[in-house]
PDB file of N, CA and C in Angstrom:
ATOM      1  N   UNK A   1     -15.312  -2.123  -6.003  1.00  0.00           N
ATOM      2  CA  UNK A   1     -14.974  -2.770  -7.014  1.00  0.00           C
ATOM      3  C   UNK A   1     -16.331  -3.611  -7.148  1.00  0.00           C
ATOM      4  N   UNK A   2     -16.827  -3.273  -8.503  1.00  0.00           N
ATOM      5  CA  UNK A   2     -18.338  -3.543  -8.430  1.00  0.00           C
ATOM      6  C   UNK A   2     -18.682  -4.940  -8.711  1.00  0.00           C
ATOM      7  N   UNK A   3     -19.434  -5.621  -8.154  1.00  0.00           N
ATOM      8  CA  UNK A   3     -19.751  -7.093  -8.230  1.00  0.00           C
ATOM      9  C   UNK A   3     -19.575  -7.684  -9.385  1.00  0.00           C
ATOM     10  N   UNK A   4     -19.938  -7.097 -11.056  1.00  0.00           N
ATOM     11  CA  UNK A   4     -19.720  -7.698 -12.051  1.00  0.00           C
ATOM     12  C   UNK A   4     -18.363  -7.325 -12.570  1.00  0.00           C
ATOM     13  N   UNK A   5     -17.285  -7.007 -12.046  1.00  0.00           N
ATOM     14  CA  UNK A   5     -15.922  -7.081 -12.557  1.00  0.00           C
ATOM     15  C   UNK A   5     -15.605  -8.159 -11.664  1.00  0.00           C
ATOM     16  N   UNK A   6     -16.142  -8.872 -11.092  1.00  0.00           N
ATOM     17  CA  UNK A   6     -15.910 -10.357 -10.271  1.00  0.00           C
ATOM     18  C   UNK A   6     -16.717 -11.593 -10.835  1.00  0.00           C
ATOM     19  N   UNK A   7     -17.434 -11.157 -11.502  1.00  0.00           N
ATOM     20  CA  UNK A   7     -18.416 -12.265 -12.040  1.00  0.00           C
ATOM     21  C   UNK A   7     -17.294 -13.707 -12.894  1.00  0.00           C
ATOM     22  N   UNK A   8     -17.752 -14.502 -12.444  1.00  0.00           N
ATOM     23  CA  UNK A   8     -17.192 -15.229 -13.371  1.00  0.00           C
ATOM     24  C   UNK A   8     -15.736 -16.089 -12.932  1.00  0.00           C
ATOM     25  N   UNK A   9     -15.016 -15.667 -11.955  1.00  0.00           N
ATOM     26  CA  UNK A   9     -14.039 -15.745 -11.235  1.00  0.00           C
ATOM     27  C   UNK A   9     -13.720 -16.507 -10.030  1.00  0.00           C
ATOM     28  N   UNK A  10     -12.902 -17.478  -9.696  1.00  0.00           N
ATOM     29  CA  UNK A  10     -12.794 -18.176  -9.078  1.00  0.00           C
ATOM     30  C   UNK A  10     -12.652 -17.192  -7.569  1.00  0.00           C
ATOM     31  N   UNK A  11     -13.027 -18.113  -6.505  1.00  0.00           N
ATOM     32  CA  UNK A  11     -12.897 -17.749  -5.330  1.00  0.00           C
ATOM     33  C   UNK A  11     -11.396 -16.870  -4.935  1.00  0.00           C
ATOM     34  N   UNK A  12     -10.446 -17.755  -5.130  1.00  0.00           N
ATOM     35  CA  UNK A  12      -9.173 -17.336  -4.881  1.00  0.00           C
ATOM     36  C   UNK A  12      -9.003 -16.073  -6.329  1.00  0.00           C
ATOM     37  N   UNK A  13      -9.182 -15.981  -7.580  1.00  0.00           N
ATOM     38  CA  UNK A  13      -9.138 -14.789  -8.188  1.00  0.00           C
ATOM     39  C   UNK A  13      -9.948 -13.726  -7.360  1.00  0.00           C
ATOM     40  N   UNK A  14     -11.196 -13.831  -6.985  1.00  0.00           N
ATOM     41  CA  UNK A  14     -12.022 -12.808  -6.388  1.00  0.00           C
ATOM     42  C   UNK A  14     -10.787 -12.175  -5.299  1.00  0.00           C
ATOM     43  N   UNK A  15     -10.163 -13.295  -4.283  1.00  0.00           N
ATOM     44  CA  UNK A  15      -9.845 -12.695  -2.821  1.00  0.00           C
ATOM     45  C   UNK A  15      -8.581 -11.801  -3.660  1.00  0.00           C
ATOM     46  N   UNK A  16      -7.941 -12.276  -4.429  1.00  0.00           N
ATOM     47  CA  UNK A  16      -6.710 -11.684  -4.864  1.00  0.00           C
ATOM     48  C   UNK A  16      -6.941 -10.158  -5.512  1.00  0.00           C
ATOM     49  N   UNK A  17      -7.970 -10.163  -6.074  1.00  0.00           N
ATOM     50  CA  UNK A  17      -8.357  -8.588  -6.832  1.00  0.00           C
ATOM     51  C   UNK A  17      -8.842  -7.941  -5.855  1.00  0.00           C
ATOM     52  N   UNK A  18      -9.335  -8.410  -4.960  1.00  0.00           N
ATOM     53  CA  UNK A  18      -9.917  -7.506  -3.633  1.00  0.00           C
ATOM     54  C   UNK A  18      -8.762  -7.154  -2.937  1.00  0.00           C
ATOM     55  N   UNK A  19      -7.914  -8.105  -2.828  1.00  0.00           N
ATOM     56  CA  UNK A  19      -6.684  -7.485  -1.724  1.00  0.00           C
ATOM     57  C   UNK A  19      -5.841  -6.662  -2.627  1.00  0.00           C
ATOM     58  N   UNK A  20      -5.697  -6.806  -3.753  1.00  0.00           N
ATOM     59  CA  UNK A  20      -5.043  -5.798  -4.574  1.00  0.00           C
ATOM     60  C   UNK A  20      -5.395  -4.712  -4.300  1.00  0.00           C
ATOM     61  N   UNK A  21      -6.626  -4.510  -4.306  1.00  0.00           N
ATOM     62  CA  UNK A  21      -7.265  -3.303  -4.652  1.00  0.00           C
ATOM     63  C   UNK A  21      -7.580  -2.552  -2.872  1.00  0.00           C
ATOM     64  N   UNK A  22      -7.656  -3.329  -2.027  1.00  0.00           N
ATOM     65  CA  UNK A  22      -7.642  -2.902  -0.359  1.00  0.00           C
ATOM     66  C   UNK A  22      -5.906  -2.024  -0.341  1.00  0.00           C
ATOM     67  N   UNK A  23      -5.185  -2.955  -0.569  1.00  0.00           N
ATOM     68  CA  UNK A  23      -3.592  -2.775  -0.604  1.00  0.00           C
ATOM     69  C   UNK A  23      -3.283  -1.773  -1.319  1.00  0.00           C
ATOM     70  N   UNK A  24      -3.893  -1.344  -2.302  1.00  0.00           N
ATOM     71  CA  UNK A  24      -3.346  -0.514  -3.211  1.00  0.00           C
ATOM     72  C   UNK A  24      -4.037   1.193  -2.212  1.00  0.00           C
ATOM     73  N   UNK A  25      -5.222   0.787  -1.621  1.00  0.00           N
ATOM     74  CA  UNK A  25      -5.836   1.953  -1.328  1.00  0.00           C
ATOM     75  C   UNK A  25      -5.572   2.427   0.010  1.00  0.00           C
ATOM     76  N   UNK A  26      -4.883   1.074   0.939  1.00  0.00           N
ATOM     77  CA  UNK A  26      -3.924   1.714   2.048  1.00  0.00           C
ATOM     78  C   UNK A  26      -2.856   2.439   1.732  1.00  0.00           C
ATOM     79  N   UNK A  27      -2.110   2.258   0.585  1.00  0.00           N
ATOM     80  CA  UNK A  27      -1.051   2.912  -0.043  1.00  0.00           C
ATOM     81  C   UNK A  27      -1.151   4.479  -0.229  1.00  0.00           C
ATOM     82  N   UNK A  28      -2.432   4.558  -1.149  1.00  0.00           N
ATOM     83  CA  UNK A  28      -2.755   6.071  -1.233  1.00  0.00           C
ATOM     84  C   UNK A  28      -2.918   6.697  -0.374  1.00  0.00           C
ATOM     85  N   UNK A  29      -3.310   6.109   0.842  1.00  0.00           N
ATOM     86  CA  UNK A  29      -4.196   6.912   1.851  1.00  0.00           C
ATOM     87  C   UNK A  29      -2.822   7.146   2.666  1.00  0.00           C
ATOM     88  N   UNK A  30      -1.611   6.026   2.649  1.00  0.00           N
ATOM     89  CA  UNK A  30      -0.829   6.494   3.784  1.00  0.00           C
ATOM     90  C   UNK A  30       0.599   7.281   2.701  1.00  0.00           C
ATOM     91  N   UNK A  31      -0.203   7.935   1.469  1.00  0.00           N
ATOM     92  CA  UNK A  31       1.153   8.539   0.732  1.00  0.00           C
ATOM     93  C   UNK A  31       1.187   9.690   1.750  1.00  0.00           C
ATOM     94  N   UNK A  32       2.374  10.467   1.910  1.00  0.00           N
ATOM     95  CA  UNK A  32       2.107  11.734   2.146  1.00  0.00           C
ATOM     96  C   UNK A  32       2.712  12.504   1.264  1.00  0.00           C
ATOM     97  N   UNK A  33       1.957  14.123   0.749  1.00  0.00           N
ATOM     98  CA  UNK A  33       2.342  15.080   0.053  1.00  0.00           C
ATOM     99  C   UNK A  33       3.933  15.380  -0.378  1.00  0.00           C
ATOM    100  N   UNK A  34       4.188  15.796  -1.439  1.00  0.00           N
ATOM    101  CA  UNK A  34       5.850  15.697  -1.855  1.00  0.00           C
ATOM    102  C   UNK A  34       6.383  15.826  -0.417  1.00  0.00           C
ATOM    103  N   UNK A  35       7.773  15.781  -0.470  1.00  0.00           N
ATOM    104  CA  UNK A  35       8.418  16.864   0.709  1.00  0.00           C
ATOM    105  C   UNK A  35       8.226  16.148   1.947  1.00  0.00           C
ATOM    106  N   UNK A  36       7.292  15.395   2.414  1.00  0.00           N
ATOM    107  CA  UNK A  36       6.707  15.348   3.747  1.00  0.00           C
ATOM    108  C   UNK A  36       7.189  13.813   4.009  1.00  0.00           C
ATOM    109  N   UNK A  37       7.548  13.682   5.090  1.00  0.00           N
ATOM    110  CA  UNK A  37       8.556  12.191   5.602  1.00  0.00           C
ATOM    111  C   UNK A  37       7.035  10.985   5.317  1.00  0.00           C
ATOM    112  N   UNK A  38       7.723   9.946   5.009  1.00  0.00           N
ATOM    113  CA  UNK A  38       6.801   9.053   4.803  1.00  0.00           C
ATOM    114  C   UNK A  38       6.303   8.063   6.158  1.00  0.00           C
ATOM    115  N   UNK A  39       5.153   7.730   6.380  1.00  0.00           N
ATOM    116  CA  UNK A  39       4.359   7.277   7.945  1.00  0.00           C
ATOM    117  C   UNK A  39       5.176   5.976   7.986  1.00  0.00           C
ATOM    118  N   UNK A  40       5.227   5.265   6.995  1.00  0.00           N
ATOM    119  CA  UNK A  40       5.622   3.642   7.003  1.00  0.00           C
ATOM    120  C   UNK A  40       6.818   3.706   6.843  1.00  0.00           C
ATOM    121  N   UNK A  41       7.377   2.537   7.890  1.00  0.00           N
ATOM    122  CA  UNK A  41       8.555   1.711   7.949  1.00  0.00           C
ATOM    123  C   UNK A  41       9.117   1.228   6.718  1.00  0.00           C
ATOM    124  N   UNK A  42      10.463   1.707   6.043  1.00  0.00           N
ATOM    125  CA  UNK A  42      11.087   0.976   4.578  1.00  0.00           C
ATOM    126  C   UNK A  42      10.725  -0.476   4.891  1.00  0.00           C
ATOM    127  N   UNK A  43      11.120  -1.105   5.918  1.00  0.00           N
ATOM    128  CA  UNK A  43      10.708  -2.404   5.529  1.00  0.00           C
ATOM    129  C   UNK A  43       9.349  -2.901   5.160  1.00  0.00           C
ATOM    130  N   UNK A  44       8.236  -1.981   5.945  1.00  0.00           N
ATOM    131  CA  UNK A  44       6.989  -1.895   5.708  1.00  0.00           C
ATOM    132  C   UNK A  44       6.853  -2.135   4.126  1.00  0.00           C
ATOM    133  N   UNK A  45       7.559  -0.716   3.322  1.00  0.00           N
ATOM    134  CA  UNK A  45       7.200  -0.872   1.833  1.00  0.00           C
ATOM    135  C   UNK A  45       7.707  -1.808   1.188  1.00  0.00           C
ATOM    136  N   UNK A  46       9.129  -2.383   1.589  1.00  0.00           N
ATOM    137  CA  UNK A  46       9.507  -3.707   1.126  1.00  0.00           C
ATOM    138  C   UNK A  46       8.093  -4.734   0.838  1.00  0.00           C
ATOM    139  N   UNK A  47       7.653  -4.893   2.203  1.00  0.00           N
ATOM    140  CA  UNK A  47       7.026  -6.092   2.113  1.00  0.00           C
ATOM    141  C   UNK A  47       5.729  -5.534   1.558  1.00  0.00           C
ATOM    142  N   UNK A  48       5.213  -4.519   1.332  1.00  0.00           N
ATOM    143  CA  UNK A  48       4.191  -4.090   0.365  1.00  0.00           C
ATOM    144  C   UNK A  48       4.460  -4.493  -0.748  1.00  0.00           C
ATOM    145  N   UNK A  49       5.428  -4.099  -1.053  1.00  0.00           N
ATOM    146  CA  UNK A  49       6.085  -4.638  -2.748  1.00  0.00           C
ATOM    147  C   UNK A  49       6.009  -5.710  -2.933  1.00  0.00           C
ATOM    148  N   UNK A  50       6.576  -6.709  -2.123  1.00  0.00           N
ATOM    149  CA  UNK A  50       6.685  -7.829  -2.385  1.00  0.00           C
ATOM    150  C   UNK A  50       5.026  -9.012  -2.418  1.00  0.00           C
ATOM    151  N   UNK A  51       4.314  -8.138  -1.440  1.00  0.00           N
ATOM    152  CA  UNK A  51       3.075  -8.801  -1.482  1.00  0.00           C
ATOM    153  C   UNK A  51       2.690  -8.549  -2.726  1.00  0.00           C
ATOM    154  N   UNK A  52       2.694  -7.493  -3.653  1.00  0.00           N
ATOM    155  CA  UNK A  52       1.784  -7.051  -4.751  1.00  0.00           C
ATOM    156  C   UNK A  52       2.999  -7.563  -5.903  1.00  0.00           C
ATOM    157  N   UNK A  53       3.927  -8.265  -5.614  1.00  0.00           N
ATOM    158  CA  UNK A  53       4.773  -9.200  -6.422  1.00  0.00           C
ATOM    159  C   UNK A  53       3.860 -10.937  -6.354  1.00  0.00           C
ATOM    160  N   UNK A  54       3.938 -11.170  -5.314  1.00  0.00           N
ATOM    161  CA  UNK A  54       3.292 -12.254  -5.132  1.00  0.00           C
ATOM    162  C   UNK A  54       2.201 -12.081  -5.211  1.00  0.00           C
ATOM    163  N   UNK A  55       0.981 -11.633  -5.135  1.00  0.00           N
ATOM    164  CA  UNK A  55       0.081 -11.694  -5.702  1.00  0.00           C
ATOM    165  C   UNK A  55      -0.153 -11.109  -7.319  1.00  0.00           C
ATOM    166  N   UNK A  56       0.591 -10.562  -8.073  1.00  0.00           N
ATOM    167  CA  UNK A  56       0.671 -10.437  -9.579  1.00  0.00           C
ATOM    168  C   UNK A  56       1.052 -12.151  -9.928  1.00  0.00           C
ATOM    169  N   UNK A  57       2.105 -12.614  -9.450  1.00  0.00           N
ATOM    170  CA  UNK A  57       2.629 -13.864  -9.708  1.00  0.00           C
ATOM    171  C   UNK A  57       1.605 -14.910  -9.873  1.00  0.00           C
ATOM    172  N   UNK A  58       0.427 -14.837  -8.789  1.00  0.00           N
ATOM    173  CA  UNK A  58      -0.322 -15.999  -8.290  1.00  0.00           C
ATOM    174  C   UNK A  58      -1.612 -15.662  -9.708  1.00  0.00           C
ATOM    175  N   UNK A  59      -1.735 -14.524  -9.750  1.00  0.00           N
ATOM    176  CA  UNK A  59      -2.807 -13.897 -10.822  1.00  0.00           C
ATOM    177  C   UNK A  59      -2.520 -14.671 -11.921  1.00  0.00           C
ATOM    178  N   UNK A  60      -1.215 -14.399 -12.877  1.00  0.00           N
ATOM    179  CA  UNK A  60      -0.302 -14.966 -13.772  1.00  0.00           C
ATOM    180  C   UNK A  60      -0.474 -16.148 -13.653  1.00  0.00           C
ATOM    181  N   UNK A  61      -0.368 -16.811 -12.368  1.00  0.00           N
ATOM    182  CA  UNK A  61      -0.393 -18.702 -12.585  1.00  0.00           C
ATOM    183  C   UNK A  61      -1.753 -19.108 -12.842  1.00  0.00           C
ATOM    184  N   UNK A  62      -2.994 -18.051 -12.177  1.00  0.00           N
ATOM    185  CA  UNK A  62      -4.329 -18.765 -12.379  1.00  0.00           C
ATOM    186  C   UNK A  62      -4.429 -18.589 -13.922  1.00  0.00           C
ATOM    187  N   UNK A  63      -4.232 -17.638 -14.415  1.00  0.00           N
ATOM    188  CA  UNK A  63      -4.958 -17.049 -15.899  1.00  0.00           C
ATOM    189  C   UNK A  63      -3.983 -18.041 -16.555  1.00  0.00           C
ATOM    190  N   UNK A  64      -2.650 -18.005 -16.529  1.00  0.00           N
ATOM    191  CA  UNK A  64      -2.354 -19.406 -17.507  1.00  0.00           C
ATOM    192  C   UNK A  64      -3.232 -20.799 -16.871  1.00  0.00           C
ATOM    193  N   UNK A  65      -3.423 -20.959 -16.201  1.00  0.00           N
ATOM    194  CA  UNK A  65      -3.787 -22.444 -15.918  1.00  0.00           C
ATOM    195  C   UNK A  65      -5.719 -22.367 -16.759  1.00  0.00           C
ATOM    196  N   UNK A  66      -5.990 -21.486 -16.397  1.00  0.00           N
ATOM    197  CA  UNK A  66      -7.493 -21.407 -17.240  1.00  0.00           C
ATOM    198  C   UNK A  66      -7.003 -20.820 -19.002  1.00  0.00           C
ATOM    199  N   UNK A  67      -5.423 -21.031 -19.247  1.00  0.00           N
ATOM    200  CA  UNK A  67      -5.594 -20.644 -20.724  1.00  0.00           C
ATOM    201  C   UNK A  67      -5.805 -19.205 -20.864  1.00  0.00           C
ATOM    202  N   UNK A  68      -5.774 -18.156 -20.336  1.00  0.00           N
ATOM    203  CA  UNK A  68      -6.282 -16.903 -20.212  1.00  0.00           C
ATOM    204  C   UNK A  68      -4.633 -16.441 -20.951  1.00  0.00           C
ATOM    205  N   UNK A  69      -4.878 -15.145 -21.764  1.00  0.00           N
ATOM    206  CA  UNK A  69      -3.965 -14.534 -22.077  1.00  0.00           C
ATOM    207  C   UNK A  69      -3.045 -13.694 -21.160  1.00  0.00           C
ATOM    208  N   UNK A  70      -1.982 -13.951 -21.007  1.00  0.00           N
ATOM    209  CA  UNK A  70      -1.389 -13.139 -19.557  1.00  0.00           C
ATOM    210  C   UNK A  70      -1.097 -11.267 -19.931  1.00  0.00           C
ATOM    211  N   UNK A  71      -1.679 -11.427 -21.263  1.00  0.00           N
ATOM    212  CA  UNK A  71      -1.211  -9.728 -21.451  1.00  0.00           C
ATOM    213  C   UNK A  71      -2.099  -9.075 -22.170  1.00  0.00           C
ATOM    214  N   UNK A  72      -3.731  -9.583 -21.584  1.00  0.00           N
ATOM    215  CA  UNK A  72      -4.874  -8.944 -21.656  1.00  0.00           C
ATOM    216  C   UNK A  72      -4.843  -7.759 -21.089  1.00  0.00           C
ATOM    217  N   UNK A  73      -5.883  -6.918 -21.832  1.00  0.00           N
ATOM    218  CA  UNK A  73      -5.283  -5.388 -21.011  1.00  0.00           C
ATOM    219  C   UNK A  73      -7.316  -4.676 -21.087  1.00  0.00           C
ATOM    220  N   UNK A  74      -7.441  -4.390 -19.904  1.00  0.00           N
ATOM    221  CA  UNK A  74      -9.196  -3.995 -19.762  1.00  0.00           C
ATOM    222  C   UNK A  74      -9.338  -3.085 -20.635  1.00  0.00           C
ATOM    223  N   UNK A  75     -10.197  -2.592 -21.341  1.00  0.00           N
ATOM    224  CA  UNK A  75     -11.135  -2.130 -22.523  1.00  0.00           C
ATOM    225  C   UNK A  75     -12.444  -1.511 -21.683  1.00  0.00           C
ATOM    226  N   UNK A  76     -12.961  -0.435 -22.628  1.00  0.00           N
ATOM    227  CA  UNK A  76     -13.878  -0.230 -22.476  1.00  0.00           C
ATOM    228  C   UNK A  76     -15.134  -0.657 -23.769  1.00  0.00           C
ATOM    229  N   UNK A  77     -16.208  -0.977 -22.929  1.00  0.00           N
ATOM    230  CA  UNK A  77     -16.812  -1.675 -23.812  1.00  0.00           C
ATOM    231  C   UNK A  77     -17.386  -0.894 -25.539  1.00  0.00           C
ATOM    232  N   UNK A  78     -17.146   0.539 -25.451  1.00  0.00           N
ATOM    233  CA  UNK A  78     -17.577   0.876 -26.487  1.00  0.00           C
ATOM    234  C   UNK A  78     -16.525   1.290 -27.691  1.00  0.00           C
ATOM    235  N   UNK A  79     -15.076   0.622 -26.907  1.00  0.00           N
ATOM    236  CA  UNK A  79     -14.107   0.554 -27.857  1.00  0.00           C
ATOM    237  C   UNK A  79     -13.501  -0.110 -28.782  1.00  0.00           C
ATOM    238  N   UNK A  80     -13.139   0.415 -30.104  1.00  0.00           N
ATOM    239  CA  UNK A  80     -12.823  -0.743 -30.825  1.00  0.00           C
ATOM    240  C   UNK A  80     -12.221  -1.593 -30.933  1.00  0.00           C
ATOM    241  N   UNK A  81     -12.601  -2.871 -31.246  1.00  0.00           N
ATOM    242  CA  UNK A  81     -11.176  -4.054 -30.948  1.00  0.00           C
ATOM    243  C   UNK A  81     -10.286  -4.138 -32.461  1.00  0.00           C
ATOM    244  N   UNK A  82      -9.160  -4.096 -32.036  1.00  0.00           N
ATOM    245  CA  UNK A  82      -7.967  -4.697 -33.076  1.00  0.00           C
ATOM    246  C   UNK A  82      -8.114  -6.010 -33.523  1.00  0.00           C
ATOM    247  N   UNK A  83      -8.478  -6.935 -32.883  1.00  0.00           N
ATOM    248  CA  UNK A  83      -8.462  -8.248 -33.036  1.00  0.00           C
ATOM    249  C   UNK A  83      -9.833  -8.586 -33.930  1.00  0.00           C
ATOM    250  N   UNK A  84      -9.570  -9.483 -34.842  1.00  0.00           N
ATOM    251  CA  UNK A  84     -10.250  -9.929 -36.103  1.00  0.00           C
ATOM    252  C   UNK A  84     -10.879 -11.229 -35.897  1.00  0.00           C
TER     253      UNK A  84
END
């Protein structure tokens, strides 16, 4: 994650973003090819899903507190904007 992506965010928001990214990378690295058994226990997979949910909930709460639109999506700088 580039430092520019974290500029202007609170410390808690930065922690949540990095945590989500690291957790997603762990899941990608641990995911076996199709047809192979998963190295993680089912309870661990459930806990990871719960953690992603908690991160998303807290990010939404922080966005709401900051008055941000929770439906904002990332876009490229050269992408035309629909809002006027």
